[in-house]
Each structure stands twice: as C-alpha cells, then as structure tokens.
Amino acid sequence: MGKAERVTIVPSTRAAAIWGSATALEDFRCNYGVDRAVHPALTEAGLTLSGFGDDGELRIVELPDHPFFLATLFLPQLRSTPARPHPLIVAFGRAAAR
C-alpha cells in the first residue's frame, strides 16, 4: 500500500512559498526515486531541487522560470479534501486561473 513521509522543503523556493512550512507530511504509493548521481545534471538543466525526504531522496523539483512547473514524487491529492485542499492543488488552481 502506501506510506506517509516527511518532506523537507528548501527555503526560498516556489515549494516553500506554496507550503508555507519547512516540512510537510506527504503520502506515497510507490518506492520510486531519483538517483542522487543525476541531481547535478538536473540542476545544470535548470531544475531547482526543492524538497527532500528524511533519507535525502529527491521529492520535489521545480522550474523557476516557468509560470507553474512543480513535480512531486508523492500524491498531494491523497491529503486533499474539499474542506482542506492540499496547498499544491490550491496553488495550481490559482496559477491556472491567471
């Protein structure tokens, strides 16, 4: 099944502005990850590595010059409810409405 994991969000990133917190508890349904050996290549290609699990695994990346490009290895919809929507879903909706 799934698991919940703490994600540490890098300060001064779009993710930090969206979550408004240094950490978040997020739900995962897989064990996939990004090989740490490719982190430098991702950064060189223009991605910002903006969230990491407690084990140092990459969990959030973003393209800072894009109107809204933020990718996660967790499923924000699993923590979202109509009464309390996930901050990433709210931010996406606001970006789409512009």
PDB file of N, CA and C in Angstrom:
ATOM      1  N   MET A   1       0.834  -1.181   0.000  1.00  0.00           N
ATOM      2  CA  MET A   1       0.000   0.000   0.000  1.00  0.00           C
ATOM      3  C   MET A   1       0.874   1.238   0.000  1.00  0.00           C
ATOM      4  N   GLY A   2       0.515   2.229   0.770  1.00  0.00           N
ATOM      5  CA  GLY A   2       1.247   3.476   0.762  1.00  0.00           C
ATOM      6  C   GLY A   2       1.935   3.747   2.073  1.00  0.00           C
ATOM      7  N   LYS A   3       2.587   4.870   2.104  1.00  0.00           N
ATOM      8  CA  LYS A   3       3.255   5.301   3.319  1.00  0.00           C
ATOM      9  C   LYS A   3       3.247   6.820   3.366  1.00  0.00           C
ATOM     10  N   ALA A   4       3.349   7.350   4.552  1.00  0.00           N
ATOM     11  CA  ALA A   4       3.485   8.793   4.738  1.00  0.00           C
ATOM     12  C   ALA A   4       4.943   9.072   5.067  1.00  0.00           C
ATOM     13  N   GLU A   5       5.450  10.160   4.516  1.00  0.00           N
ATOM     14  CA  GLU A   5       6.851  10.515   4.732  1.00  0.00           C
ATOM     15  C   GLU A   5       6.968  12.020   4.883  1.00  0.00           C
ATOM     16  N   ARG A   6       7.865  12.439   5.749  1.00  0.00           N
ATOM     17  CA  ARG A   6       8.129  13.861   5.907  1.00  0.00           C
ATOM     18  C   ARG A   6       9.000  14.338   4.748  1.00  0.00           C
ATOM     19  N   VAL A   7       8.658  15.489   4.212  1.00  0.00           N
ATOM     20  CA  VAL A   7       9.424  16.126   3.148  1.00  0.00           C
ATOM     21  C   VAL A   7       9.934  17.456   3.687  1.00  0.00           C
ATOM     22  N   THR A   8      11.233  17.664   3.576  1.00  0.00           N
ATOM     23  CA  THR A   8      11.833  18.931   3.968  1.00  0.00           C
ATOM     24  C   THR A   8      11.899  19.812   2.732  1.00  0.00           C
ATOM     25  N   ILE A   9      11.359  21.002   2.847  1.00  0.00           N
ATOM     26  CA  ILE A   9      11.242  21.917   1.712  1.00  0.00           C
ATOM     27  C   ILE A   9      12.358  22.956   1.786  1.00  0.00           C
ATOM     28  N   VAL A  10      13.040  23.139   0.674  1.00  0.00           N
ATOM     29  CA  VAL A  10      14.167  24.063   0.602  1.00  0.00           C
ATOM     30  C   VAL A  10      13.644  25.506   0.680  1.00  0.00           C
ATOM     31  N   PRO A  11      14.217  26.311   1.573  1.00  0.00           N
ATOM     32  CA  PRO A  11      13.781  27.712   1.693  1.00  0.00           C
ATOM     33  C   PRO A  11      13.983  28.493   0.383  1.00  0.00           C
ATOM     34  N   SER A  12      13.196  29.526   0.217  1.00  0.00           N
ATOM     35  CA  SER A  12      13.277  30.452  -0.922  1.00  0.00           C
ATOM     36  C   SER A  12      12.982  29.793  -2.264  1.00  0.00           C
ATOM     37  N   THR A  13      12.199  28.720  -2.253  1.00  0.00           N
ATOM     38  CA  THR A  13      11.761  28.077  -3.491  1.00  0.00           C
ATOM     39  C   THR A  13      10.262  28.308  -3.650  1.00  0.00           C
ATOM     40  N   ARG A  14       9.752  28.023  -4.830  1.00  0.00           N
ATOM     41  CA  ARG A  14       8.305  28.105  -5.042  1.00  0.00           C
ATOM     42  C   ARG A  14       7.594  27.137  -4.093  1.00  0.00           C
ATOM     43  N   ALA A  15       8.167  25.961  -3.899  1.00  0.00           N
ATOM     44  CA  ALA A  15       7.571  24.982  -2.978  1.00  0.00           C
ATOM     45  C   ALA A  15       7.456  25.564  -1.579  1.00  0.00           C
ATOM     46  N   ALA A  16       8.486  26.258  -1.119  1.00  0.00           N
ATOM     47  CA  ALA A  16       8.438  26.873   0.217  1.00  0.00           C
ATOM     48  C   ALA A  16       7.319  27.903   0.303  1.00  0.00           C
ATOM     49  N   ALA A  17       7.140  28.680  -0.758  1.00  0.00           N
ATOM     50  CA  ALA A  17       6.062  29.670  -0.769  1.00  0.00           C
ATOM     51  C   ALA A  17       4.701  28.989  -0.767  1.00  0.00           C
ATOM     52  N   ILE A  18       4.570  27.884  -1.471  1.00  0.00           N
ATOM     53  CA  ILE A  18       3.290  27.176  -1.558  1.00  0.00           C
ATOM     54  C   ILE A  18       2.937  26.519  -0.229  1.00  0.00           C
ATOM     55  N   TRP A  19       3.871  25.788   0.351  1.00  0.00           N
ATOM     56  CA  TRP A  19       3.579  25.064   1.590  1.00  0.00           C
ATOM     57  C   TRP A  19       3.578  26.003   2.792  1.00  0.00           C
ATOM     58  N   GLY A  20       4.393  27.056   2.757  1.00  0.00           N
ATOM     59  CA  GLY A  20       4.469  27.966   3.896  1.00  0.00           C
ATOM     60  C   GLY A  20       5.010  27.296   5.138  1.00  0.00           C
ATOM     61  N   SER A  21       5.808  26.269   4.947  1.00  0.00           N
ATOM     62  CA  SER A  21       6.340  25.494   6.057  1.00  0.00           C
ATOM     63  C   SER A  21       7.667  24.875   5.632  1.00  0.00           C
ATOM     64  N   ALA A  22       8.514  24.571   6.602  1.00  0.00           N
ATOM     65  CA  ALA A  22       9.802  23.947   6.291  1.00  0.00           C
ATOM     66  C   ALA A  22       9.669  22.451   6.030  1.00  0.00           C
ATOM     67  N   THR A  23       8.579  21.852   6.501  1.00  0.00           N
ATOM     68  CA  THR A  23       8.352  20.422   6.283  1.00  0.00           C
ATOM     69  C   THR A  23       6.887  20.163   5.987  1.00  0.00           C
ATOM     70  N   ALA A  24       6.642  19.016   5.382  1.00  0.00           N
ATOM     71  CA  ALA A  24       5.267  18.585   5.111  1.00  0.00           C
ATOM     72  C   ALA A  24       5.213  17.068   5.232  1.00  0.00           C
ATOM     73  N   LEU A  25       4.096  16.555   5.677  1.00  0.00           N
ATOM     74  CA  LEU A  25       3.867  15.118   5.698  1.00  0.00           C
ATOM     75  C   LEU A  25       3.081  14.785   4.436  1.00  0.00           C
ATOM     76  N   GLU A  26       3.641  13.911   3.606  1.00  0.00           N
ATOM     77  CA  GLU A  26       3.027  13.602   2.313  1.00  0.00           C
ATOM     78  C   GLU A  26       2.884  12.098   2.130  1.00  0.00           C
ATOM     79  N   ASP A  27       1.932  11.714   1.278  1.00  0.00           N
ATOM     80  CA  ASP A  27       1.616  10.304   1.038  1.00  0.00           C
ATOM     81  C   ASP A  27       2.246   9.801  -0.252  1.00  0.00           C
ATOM     82  N   PHE A  28       2.810   8.599  -0.174  1.00  0.00           N
ATOM     83  CA  PHE A  28       3.452   7.944  -1.305  1.00  0.00           C
ATOM     84  C   PHE A  28       2.774   6.607  -1.558  1.00  0.00           C
ATOM     85  N   ARG A  29       2.734   6.195  -2.797  1.00  0.00           N
ATOM     86  CA  ARG A  29       2.173   4.888  -3.158  1.00  0.00           C
ATOM     87  C   ARG A  29       3.162   4.053  -3.965  1.00  0.00           C
ATOM     88  N   CYS A  30       4.427   4.469  -3.963  1.00  0.00           N
ATOM     89  CA  CYS A  30       5.443   3.703  -4.680  1.00  0.00           C
ATOM     90  C   CYS A  30       6.780   3.885  -3.971  1.00  0.00           C
ATOM     91  N   ASN A  31       7.764   3.161  -4.438  1.00  0.00           N
ATOM     92  CA  ASN A  31       9.111   3.255  -3.876  1.00  0.00           C
ATOM     93  C   ASN A  31      10.104   3.806  -4.891  1.00  0.00           C
ATOM     94  N   TYR A  32       9.606   4.484  -5.908  1.00  0.00           N
ATOM     95  CA  TYR A  32      10.490   5.041  -6.921  1.00  0.00           C
ATOM     96  C   TYR A  32      11.213   6.254  -6.372  1.00  0.00           C
ATOM     97  N   GLY A  33      12.376   6.518  -6.944  1.00  0.00           N
ATOM     98  CA  GLY A  33      13.139   7.677  -6.542  1.00  0.00           C
ATOM     99  C   GLY A  33      14.004   8.148  -7.694  1.00  0.00           C
ATOM    100  N   VAL A  34      14.780   9.171  -7.422  1.00  0.00           N
ATOM    101  CA  VAL A  34      15.689   9.738  -8.402  1.00  0.00           C
ATOM    102  C   VAL A  34      17.109   9.466  -7.924  1.00  0.00           C
ATOM    103  N   ASP A  35      17.894   8.830  -8.758  1.00  0.00           N
ATOM    104  CA  ASP A  35      19.282   8.516  -8.425  1.00  0.00           C
ATOM    105  C   ASP A  35      20.026   9.806  -8.072  1.00  0.00           C
ATOM    106  N   ARG A  36      20.657   9.814  -6.921  1.00  0.00           N
ATOM    107  CA  ARG A  36      21.380  11.014  -6.477  1.00  0.00           C
ATOM    108  C   ARG A  36      22.485  11.418  -7.446  1.00  0.00           C
ATOM    109  N   ALA A  37      22.973  10.486  -8.202  1.00  0.00           N
ATOM    110  CA  ALA A  37      24.035  10.790  -9.164  1.00  0.00           C
ATOM    111  C   ALA A  37      23.559  11.739 -10.262  1.00  0.00           C
ATOM    112  N   VAL A  38      22.245  11.813 -10.506  1.00  0.00           N
ATOM    113  CA  VAL A  38      21.739  12.709 -11.554  1.00  0.00           C
ATOM    114  C   VAL A  38      21.306  14.079 -11.009  1.00  0.00           C
ATOM    115  N   HIS A  39      21.349  14.279  -9.713  1.00  0.00           N
ATOM    116  CA  HIS A  39      20.959  15.573  -9.147  1.00  0.00           C
ATOM    117  C   HIS A  39      21.732  16.732  -9.781  1.00  0.00           C
ATOM    118  N   PRO A  40      23.064  16.645  -9.917  1.00  0.00           N
ATOM    119  CA  PRO A  40      23.782  17.760 -10.551  1.00  0.00           C
ATOM    120  C   PRO A  40      23.312  18.025 -11.985  1.00  0.00           C
ATOM    121  N   ALA A  41      23.030  16.984 -12.746  1.00  0.00           N
ATOM    122  CA  ALA A  41      22.562  17.163 -14.126  1.00  0.00           C
ATOM    123  C   ALA A  41      21.191  17.841 -14.149  1.00  0.00           C
ATOM    124  N   LEU A  42      20.329  17.516 -13.210  1.00  0.00           N
ATOM    125  CA  LEU A  42      19.015  18.156 -13.136  1.00  0.00           C
ATOM    126  C   LEU A  42      19.164  19.651 -12.851  1.00  0.00           C
ATOM    127  N   THR A  43      20.048  19.975 -11.931  1.00  0.00           N
ATOM    128  CA  THR A  43      20.297  21.379 -11.596  1.00  0.00           C
ATOM    129  C   THR A  43      20.910  22.115 -12.783  1.00  0.00           C
ATOM    130  N   GLU A  44      21.870  21.495 -13.437  1.00  0.00           N
ATOM    131  CA  GLU A  44      22.505  22.113 -14.611  1.00  0.00           C
ATOM    132  C   GLU A  44      21.494  22.340 -15.734  1.00  0.00           C
ATOM    133  N   ALA A  45      20.472  21.491 -15.815  1.00  0.00           N
ATOM    134  CA  ALA A  45      19.445  21.626 -16.847  1.00  0.00           C
ATOM    135  C   ALA A  45      18.412  22.696 -16.498  1.00  0.00           C
ATOM    136  N   GLY A  46      18.516  23.289 -15.304  1.00  0.00           N
ATOM    137  CA  GLY A  46      17.628  24.381 -14.945  1.00  0.00           C
ATOM    138  C   GLY A  46      16.583  24.059 -13.907  1.00  0.00           C
ATOM    139  N   LEU A  47      16.514  22.830 -13.442  1.00  0.00           N
ATOM    140  CA  LEU A  47      15.549  22.482 -12.401  1.00  0.00           C
ATOM    141  C   LEU A  47      16.085  22.900 -11.030  1.00  0.00           C
ATOM    142  N   THR A  48      15.170  23.280 -10.169  1.00  0.00           N
ATOM    143  CA  THR A  48      15.504  23.541  -8.770  1.00  0.00           C
ATOM    144  C   THR A  48      15.056  22.325  -7.968  1.00  0.00           C
ATOM    145  N   LEU A  49      15.955  21.764  -7.201  1.00  0.00           N
ATOM    146  CA  LEU A  49      15.623  20.630  -6.332  1.00  0.00           C
ATOM    147  C   LEU A  49      15.098  21.240  -5.039  1.00  0.00           C
ATOM    148  N   SER A  50      13.803  21.126  -4.812  1.00  0.00           N
ATOM    149  CA  SER A  50      13.196  21.923  -3.745  1.00  0.00           C
ATOM    150  C   SER A  50      12.564  21.143  -2.603  1.00  0.00           C
ATOM    151  N   GLY A  51      12.646  19.822  -2.617  1.00  0.00           N
ATOM    152  CA  GLY A  51      12.111  19.049  -1.499  1.00  0.00           C
ATOM    153  C   GLY A  51      12.778  17.696  -1.401  1.00  0.00           C
ATOM    154  N   PHE A  52      13.093  17.285  -0.171  1.00  0.00           N
ATOM    155  CA  PHE A  52      13.806  16.032   0.061  1.00  0.00           C
ATOM    156  C   PHE A  52      13.178  15.265   1.219  1.00  0.00           C
ATOM    157  N   GLY A  53      13.194  13.947   1.122  1.00  0.00           N
ATOM    158  CA  GLY A  53      12.753  13.092   2.219  1.00  0.00           C
ATOM    159  C   GLY A  53      13.825  13.035   3.292  1.00  0.00           C
ATOM    160  N   ASP A  54      13.481  12.438   4.418  1.00  0.00           N
ATOM    161  CA  ASP A  54      14.432  12.323   5.524  1.00  0.00           C
ATOM    162  C   ASP A  54      15.681  11.547   5.131  1.00  0.00           C
ATOM    163  N   ASP A  55      15.542  10.665   4.158  1.00  0.00           N
ATOM    164  CA  ASP A  55      16.672   9.853   3.703  1.00  0.00           C
ATOM    165  C   ASP A  55      17.488  10.553   2.618  1.00  0.00           C
ATOM    166  N   GLY A  56      17.149  11.806   2.307  1.00  0.00           N
ATOM    167  CA  GLY A  56      17.859  12.558   1.287  1.00  0.00           C
ATOM    168  C   GLY A  56      17.338  12.354  -0.116  1.00  0.00           C
ATOM    169  N   GLU A  57      16.282  11.537  -0.247  1.00  0.00           N
ATOM    170  CA  GLU A  57      15.700  11.295  -1.572  1.00  0.00           C
ATOM    171  C   GLU A  57      15.011  12.551  -2.093  1.00  0.00           C
ATOM    172  N   LEU A  58      15.208  12.844  -3.359  1.00  0.00           N
ATOM    173  CA  LEU A  58      14.563  13.981  -4.006  1.00  0.00           C
ATOM    174  C   LEU A  58      13.062  13.738  -4.077  1.00  0.00           C
ATOM    175  N   ARG A  59      12.269  14.728  -3.654  1.00  0.00           N
ATOM    176  CA  ARG A  59      10.814  14.582  -3.626  1.00  0.00           C
ATOM    177  C   ARG A  59      10.070  15.676  -4.386  1.00  0.00           C
ATOM    178  N   ILE A  60      10.696  16.856  -4.563  1.00  0.00           N
ATOM    179  CA  ILE A  60      10.058  17.954  -5.292  1.00  0.00           C
ATOM    180  C   ILE A  60      11.104  18.608  -6.189  1.00  0.00           C
ATOM    181  N   VAL A  61      10.717  18.870  -7.437  1.00  0.00           N
ATOM    182  CA  VAL A  61      11.542  19.675  -8.345  1.00  0.00           C
ATOM    183  C   VAL A  61      10.663  20.753  -8.951  1.00  0.00           C
ATOM    184  N   GLU A  62      11.286  21.843  -9.368  1.00  0.00           N
ATOM    185  CA  GLU A  62      10.530  22.921  -9.993  1.00  0.00           C
ATOM    186  C   GLU A  62      11.380  23.611 -11.048  1.00  0.00           C
ATOM    187  N   LEU A  63      10.706  24.239 -11.971  1.00  0.00           N
ATOM    188  CA  LEU A  63      11.341  25.063 -12.990  1.00  0.00           C
ATOM    189  C   LEU A  63      11.042  26.510 -12.614  1.00  0.00           C
ATOM    190  N   PRO A  64      12.011  27.230 -12.088  1.00  0.00           N
ATOM    191  CA  PRO A  64      11.722  28.551 -11.529  1.00  0.00           C
ATOM    192  C   PRO A  64      11.232  29.586 -12.535  1.00  0.00           C
ATOM    193  N   ASP A  65      11.608  29.493 -13.788  1.00  0.00           N
ATOM    194  CA  ASP A  65      11.190  30.498 -14.771  1.00  0.00           C
ATOM    195  C   ASP A  65       9.888  30.154 -15.478  1.00  0.00           C
ATOM    196  N   HIS A  66       9.264  29.064 -15.108  1.00  0.00           N
ATOM    197  CA  HIS A  66       8.003  28.631 -15.712  1.00  0.00           C
ATOM    198  C   HIS A  66       6.842  29.173 -14.870  1.00  0.00           C
ATOM    199  N   PRO A  67       5.711  29.517 -15.493  1.00  0.00           N
ATOM    200  CA  PRO A  67       4.571  30.022 -14.712  1.00  0.00           C
ATOM    201  C   PRO A  67       4.123  29.061 -13.605  1.00  0.00           C
ATOM    202  N   PHE A  68       4.177  27.748 -13.864  1.00  0.00           N
ATOM    203  CA  PHE A  68       3.849  26.784 -12.808  1.00  0.00           C
ATOM    204  C   PHE A  68       4.314  25.400 -13.237  1.00  0.00           C
ATOM    205  N   PHE A  69       5.551  25.082 -12.889  1.00  0.00           N
ATOM    206  CA  PHE A  69       6.069  23.741 -13.112  1.00  0.00           C
ATOM    207  C   PHE A  69       6.644  23.285 -11.797  1.00  0.00           C
ATOM    208  N   LEU A  70       5.959  22.354 -11.175  1.00  0.00           N
ATOM    209  CA  LEU A  70       6.396  21.783  -9.916  1.00  0.00           C
ATOM    210  C   LEU A  70       5.992  20.324  -9.950  1.00  0.00           C
ATOM    211  N   ALA A  71       6.961  19.423  -9.812  1.00  0.00           N
ATOM    212  CA  ALA A  71       6.687  17.991  -9.872  1.00  0.00           C
ATOM    213  C   ALA A  71       7.046  17.342  -8.544  1.00  0.00           C
ATOM    214  N   THR A  72       6.236  16.362  -8.150  1.00  0.00           N
ATOM    215  CA  THR A  72       6.467  15.670  -6.883  1.00  0.00           C
ATOM    216  C   THR A  72       6.522  14.165  -7.108  1.00  0.00           C
ATOM    217  N   LEU A  73       7.136  13.469  -6.180  1.00  0.00           N
ATOM    218  CA  LEU A  73       7.101  12.015  -6.179  1.00  0.00           C
ATOM    219  C   LEU A  73       6.086  11.502  -5.163  1.00  0.00           C
ATOM    220  N   PHE A  74       5.266  12.364  -4.653  1.00  0.00           N
ATOM    221  CA  PHE A  74       4.170  11.973  -3.762  1.00  0.00           C
ATOM    222  C   PHE A  74       2.862  12.391  -4.407  1.00  0.00           C
ATOM    223  N   LEU A  75       1.769  12.031  -3.782  1.00  0.00           N
ATOM    224  CA  LEU A  75       0.441  12.257  -4.344  1.00  0.00           C
ATOM    225  C   LEU A  75      -0.328  13.258  -3.488  1.00  0.00           C
ATOM    226  N   PRO A  76      -0.259  14.558  -3.833  1.00  0.00           N
ATOM    227  CA  PRO A  76      -0.922  15.565  -2.995  1.00  0.00           C
ATOM    228  C   PRO A  76      -2.425  15.365  -2.892  1.00  0.00           C
ATOM    229  N   GLN A  77      -3.047  14.775  -3.896  1.00  0.00           N
ATOM    230  CA  GLN A  77      -4.493  14.579  -3.863  1.00  0.00           C
ATOM    231  C   GLN A  77      -4.925  13.656  -2.720  1.00  0.00           C
ATOM    232  N   LEU A  78      -4.035  12.812  -2.229  1.00  0.00           N
ATOM    233  CA  LEU A  78      -4.396  11.907  -1.137  1.00  0.00           C
ATOM    234  C   LEU A  78      -4.562  12.630   0.193  1.00  0.00           C
ATOM    235  N   ARG A  79      -3.968  13.805   0.336  1.00  0.00           N
ATOM    236  CA  ARG A  79      -4.102  14.604   1.561  1.00  0.00           C
ATOM    237  C   ARG A  79      -5.090  15.740   1.393  1.00  0.00           C
ATOM    238  N   SER A  80      -5.760  15.796   0.269  1.00  0.00           N
ATOM    239  CA  SER A  80      -6.660  16.904  -0.034  1.00  0.00           C
ATOM    240  C   SER A  80      -8.107  16.509   0.220  1.00  0.00           C
ATOM    241  N   THR A  81      -8.850  17.437   0.805  1.00  0.00           N
ATOM    242  CA  THR A  81     -10.287  17.248   0.986  1.00  0.00           C
ATOM    243  C   THR A  81     -10.976  18.538   0.538  1.00  0.00           C
ATOM    244  N   PRO A  82     -12.285  18.489   0.273  1.00  0.00           N
ATOM    245  CA  PRO A  82     -12.978  19.727  -0.087  1.00  0.00           C
ATOM    246  C   PRO A  82     -12.864  20.809   0.996  1.00  0.00           C
ATOM    247  N   ALA A  83     -12.870  20.399   2.239  1.00  0.00           N
ATOM    248  CA  ALA A  83     -12.782  21.364   3.332  1.00  0.00           C
ATOM    249  C   ALA A  83     -11.358  21.861   3.561  1.00  0.00           C
ATOM    250  N   ARG A  84     -10.374  21.044   3.186  1.00  0.00           N
ATOM    251  CA  ARG A  84      -8.971  21.409   3.392  1.00  0.00           C
ATOM    252  C   ARG A  84      -8.145  20.928   2.203  1.00  0.00           C
ATOM    253  N   PRO A  85      -8.206  21.657   1.096  1.00  0.00           N
ATOM    254  CA  PRO A  85      -7.459  21.242  -0.086  1.00  0.00           C
ATOM    255  C   PRO A  85      -5.947  21.337   0.140  1.00  0.00           C
ATOM    256  N   HIS A  86      -5.220  20.451  -0.511  1.00  0.00           N
ATOM    257  CA  HIS A  86      -3.766  20.434  -0.402  1.00  0.00           C
ATOM    258  C   HIS A  86      -3.208  21.747  -0.959  1.00  0.00           C
ATOM    259  N   PRO A  87      -2.183  22.321  -0.331  1.00  0.00           N
ATOM    260  CA  PRO A  87      -1.644  23.601  -0.799  1.00  0.00           C
ATOM    261  C   PRO A  87      -1.152  23.577  -2.250  1.00  0.00           C
ATOM    262  N   LEU A  88      -0.635  22.451  -2.713  1.00  0.00           N
ATOM    263  CA  LEU A  88      -0.172  22.378  -4.097  1.00  0.00           C
ATOM    264  C   LEU A  88      -1.347  22.442  -5.072  1.00  0.00           C
ATOM    265  N   ILE A  89      -2.441  21.815  -4.727  1.00  0.00           N
ATOM    266  CA  ILE A  89      -3.629  21.848  -5.580  1.00  0.00           C
ATOM    267  C   ILE A  89      -4.214  23.259  -5.617  1.00  0.00           C
ATOM    268  N   VAL A  90      -4.241  23.929  -4.481  1.00  0.00           N
ATOM    269  CA  VAL A  90      -4.705  25.315  -4.430  1.00  0.00           C
ATOM    270  C   VAL A  90      -3.815  26.200  -5.294  1.00  0.00           C
ATOM    271  N   ALA A  91      -2.496  26.045  -5.182  1.00  0.00           N
ATOM    272  CA  ALA A  91      -1.563  26.861  -5.960  1.00  0.00           C
ATOM    273  C   ALA A  91      -1.709  26.598  -7.452  1.00  0.00           C
ATOM    274  N   PHE A  92      -1.919  25.347  -7.831  1.00  0.00           N
ATOM    275  CA  PHE A  92      -2.121  25.023  -9.243  1.00  0.00           C
ATOM    276  C   PHE A  92      -3.390  25.677  -9.758  1.00  0.00           C
ATOM    277  N   GLY A  93      -4.459  25.605  -8.999  1.00  0.00           N
ATOM    278  CA  GLY A  93      -5.716  26.230  -9.398  1.00  0.00           C
ATOM    279  C   GLY A  93      -5.570  27.730  -9.568  1.00  0.00           C
ATOM    280  N   ARG A  94      -4.858  28.370  -8.651  1.00  0.00           N
ATOM    281  CA  ARG A  94      -4.631  29.811  -8.769  1.00  0.00           C
ATOM    282  C   ARG A  94      -3.797  30.149 -10.007  1.00  0.00           C
ATOM    283  N   ALA A  95      -2.785  29.353 -10.280  1.00  0.00           N
ATOM    284  CA  ALA A  95      -1.944  29.591 -11.460  1.00  0.00           C
ATOM    285  C   ALA A  95      -2.751  29.391 -12.747  1.00  0.00           C
ATOM    286  N   ALA A  96      -3.621  28.404 -12.762  1.00  0.00           N
ATOM    287  CA  ALA A  96      -4.427  28.119 -13.947  1.00  0.00           C
ATOM    288  C   ALA A  96      -5.468  29.220 -14.191  1.00  0.00           C
ATOM    289  N   ALA A  97      -5.910  29.878 -13.121  1.00  0.00           N
ATOM    290  CA  ALA A  97      -6.941  30.913 -13.243  1.00  0.00           C
ATOM    291  C   ALA A  97      -6.369  32.248 -13.734  1.00  0.00           C
ATOM    292  N   ARG A  98      -5.071  32.384 -13.779  1.00  0.00           N
ATOM    293  CA  ARG A  98      -4.457  33.647 -14.217  1.00  0.00           C
ATOM    294  C   ARG A  98      -4.607  33.875 -15.688  1.00  0.00           C
TER     295      ARG A  98
END
